[in-house]
């Protein structure tokens, strides 16, 4: 049983070799470096969204 202040463990997915390799690499990173890598996800999504908007305007202008 877990203490009330401790969160329950997350269920683990079956590990394939890419997931094990990535998990090992991720755990070797310092917390500061993990934070830097984690901020790339939202940044990439915003850039992709801007690219979609720009391409939509370009398409409409050429139409």
C-alpha atoms as a PDB file:
ATOM      1  CA  UNK A   1       0.000   0.000   0.000  1.00  0.00           C
ATOM      2  CA  UNK A   2       1.207   3.512  -0.739  1.00  0.00           C
ATOM      3  CA  UNK A   3       1.385   6.363   1.691  1.00  0.00           C
ATOM      4  CA  UNK A   4      -1.376   8.995   1.193  1.00  0.00           C
ATOM      5  CA  UNK A   5       1.102  11.627  -0.015  1.00  0.00           C
ATOM      6  CA  UNK A   6       2.773   9.317  -2.535  1.00  0.00           C
ATOM      7  CA  UNK A   7       1.137   9.039  -5.992  1.00  0.00           C
ATOM      8  CA  UNK A   8       0.230   5.598  -7.271  1.00  0.00           C
ATOM      9  CA  UNK A   9       2.694   4.193  -9.814  1.00  0.00           C
ATOM     10  CA  UNK A  10       1.715   4.506 -13.453  1.00  0.00           C
ATOM     11  CA  UNK A  11       1.021   1.294 -15.342  1.00  0.00           C
ATOM     12  CA  UNK A  12       3.982   0.329 -17.498  1.00  0.00           C
ATOM     13  CA  UNK A  13       3.556  -0.339 -21.191  1.00  0.00           C
ATOM     14  CA  UNK A  14       5.298  -3.318 -22.755  1.00  0.00           C
ATOM     15  CA  UNK A  15       8.844  -2.264 -23.570  1.00  0.00           C
ATOM     16  CA  UNK A  16      10.232  -2.653 -27.034  1.00  0.00           C
ATOM     17  CA  UNK A  17      13.911  -2.035 -27.731  1.00  0.00           C
ATOM     18  CA  UNK A  18      13.387   1.590 -28.963  1.00  0.00           C
ATOM     19  CA  UNK A  19      11.455   2.472 -25.824  1.00  0.00           C
ATOM     20  CA  UNK A  20      14.119   0.901 -23.590  1.00  0.00           C
ATOM     21  CA  UNK A  21      16.868   2.731 -25.471  1.00  0.00           C
ATOM     22  CA  UNK A  22      15.060   6.067 -25.248  1.00  0.00           C
ATOM     23  CA  UNK A  23      14.204   5.539 -21.569  1.00  0.00           C
ATOM     24  CA  UNK A  24      17.804   4.763 -20.734  1.00  0.00           C
ATOM     25  CA  UNK A  25      18.994   7.843 -22.638  1.00  0.00           C
ATOM     26  CA  UNK A  26      16.313  10.034 -21.011  1.00  0.00           C
ATOM     27  CA  UNK A  27      17.204   8.933 -17.468  1.00  0.00           C
ATOM     28  CA  UNK A  28      20.894   9.702 -18.093  1.00  0.00           C
ATOM     29  CA  UNK A  29      20.038  13.361 -18.807  1.00  0.00           C
ATOM     30  CA  UNK A  30      20.148  15.871 -15.981  1.00  0.00           C
ATOM     31  CA  UNK A  31      16.800  17.379 -14.896  1.00  0.00           C
ATOM     32  CA  UNK A  32      17.791  20.723 -16.440  1.00  0.00           C
ATOM     33  CA  UNK A  33      18.541  19.060 -19.775  1.00  0.00           C
ATOM     34  CA  UNK A  34      15.278  17.089 -19.591  1.00  0.00           C
ATOM     35  CA  UNK A  35      13.439  20.392 -19.147  1.00  0.00           C
ATOM     36  CA  UNK A  36      15.184  21.838 -22.200  1.00  0.00           C
ATOM     37  CA  UNK A  37      14.211  18.832 -24.311  1.00  0.00           C
ATOM     38  CA  UNK A  38      10.650  18.887 -22.968  1.00  0.00           C
ATOM     39  CA  UNK A  39      10.168  22.495 -24.104  1.00  0.00           C
ATOM     40  CA  UNK A  40      10.946  21.482 -27.697  1.00  0.00           C
ATOM     41  CA  UNK A  41       7.602  19.660 -28.067  1.00  0.00           C
ATOM     42  CA  UNK A  42       5.355  22.704 -27.633  1.00  0.00           C
ATOM     43  CA  UNK A  43       7.776  24.828 -29.660  1.00  0.00           C
ATOM     44  CA  UNK A  44       7.659  22.405 -32.589  1.00  0.00           C
ATOM     45  CA  UNK A  45       3.855  22.247 -32.432  1.00  0.00           C
ATOM     46  CA  UNK A  46       3.595  26.057 -32.544  1.00  0.00           C
ATOM     47  CA  UNK A  47       5.990  26.199 -35.505  1.00  0.00           C
ATOM     48  CA  UNK A  48       3.988  23.539 -37.354  1.00  0.00           C
ATOM     49  CA  UNK A  49       0.792  25.467 -36.680  1.00  0.00           C
ATOM     50  CA  UNK A  50       2.354  28.661 -38.037  1.00  0.00           C
ATOM     51  CA  UNK A  51       3.546  26.785 -41.124  1.00  0.00           C
ATOM     52  CA  UNK A  52      -0.005  25.506 -41.696  1.00  0.00           C
ATOM     53  CA  UNK A  53      -1.464  29.014 -41.360  1.00  0.00           C
ATOM     54  CA  UNK A  54       1.142  30.499 -43.719  1.00  0.00           C
ATOM     55  CA  UNK A  55       0.597  27.757 -46.292  1.00  0.00           C
ATOM     56  CA  UNK A  56      -3.198  28.264 -46.077  1.00  0.00           C
ATOM     57  CA  UNK A  57      -2.820  32.005 -46.714  1.00  0.00           C
ATOM     58  CA  UNK A  58      -0.377  31.310 -49.549  1.00  0.00           C
ATOM     59  CA  UNK A  59      -2.806  28.833 -51.129  1.00  0.00           C
ATOM     60  CA  UNK A  60      -5.768  31.219 -50.815  1.00  0.00           C
ATOM     61  CA  UNK A  61      -3.761  34.085 -52.263  1.00  0.00           C
ATOM     62  CA  UNK A  62      -2.721  31.981 -55.268  1.00  0.00           C
ATOM     63  CA  UNK A  63      -6.278  30.706 -55.759  1.00  0.00           C
END
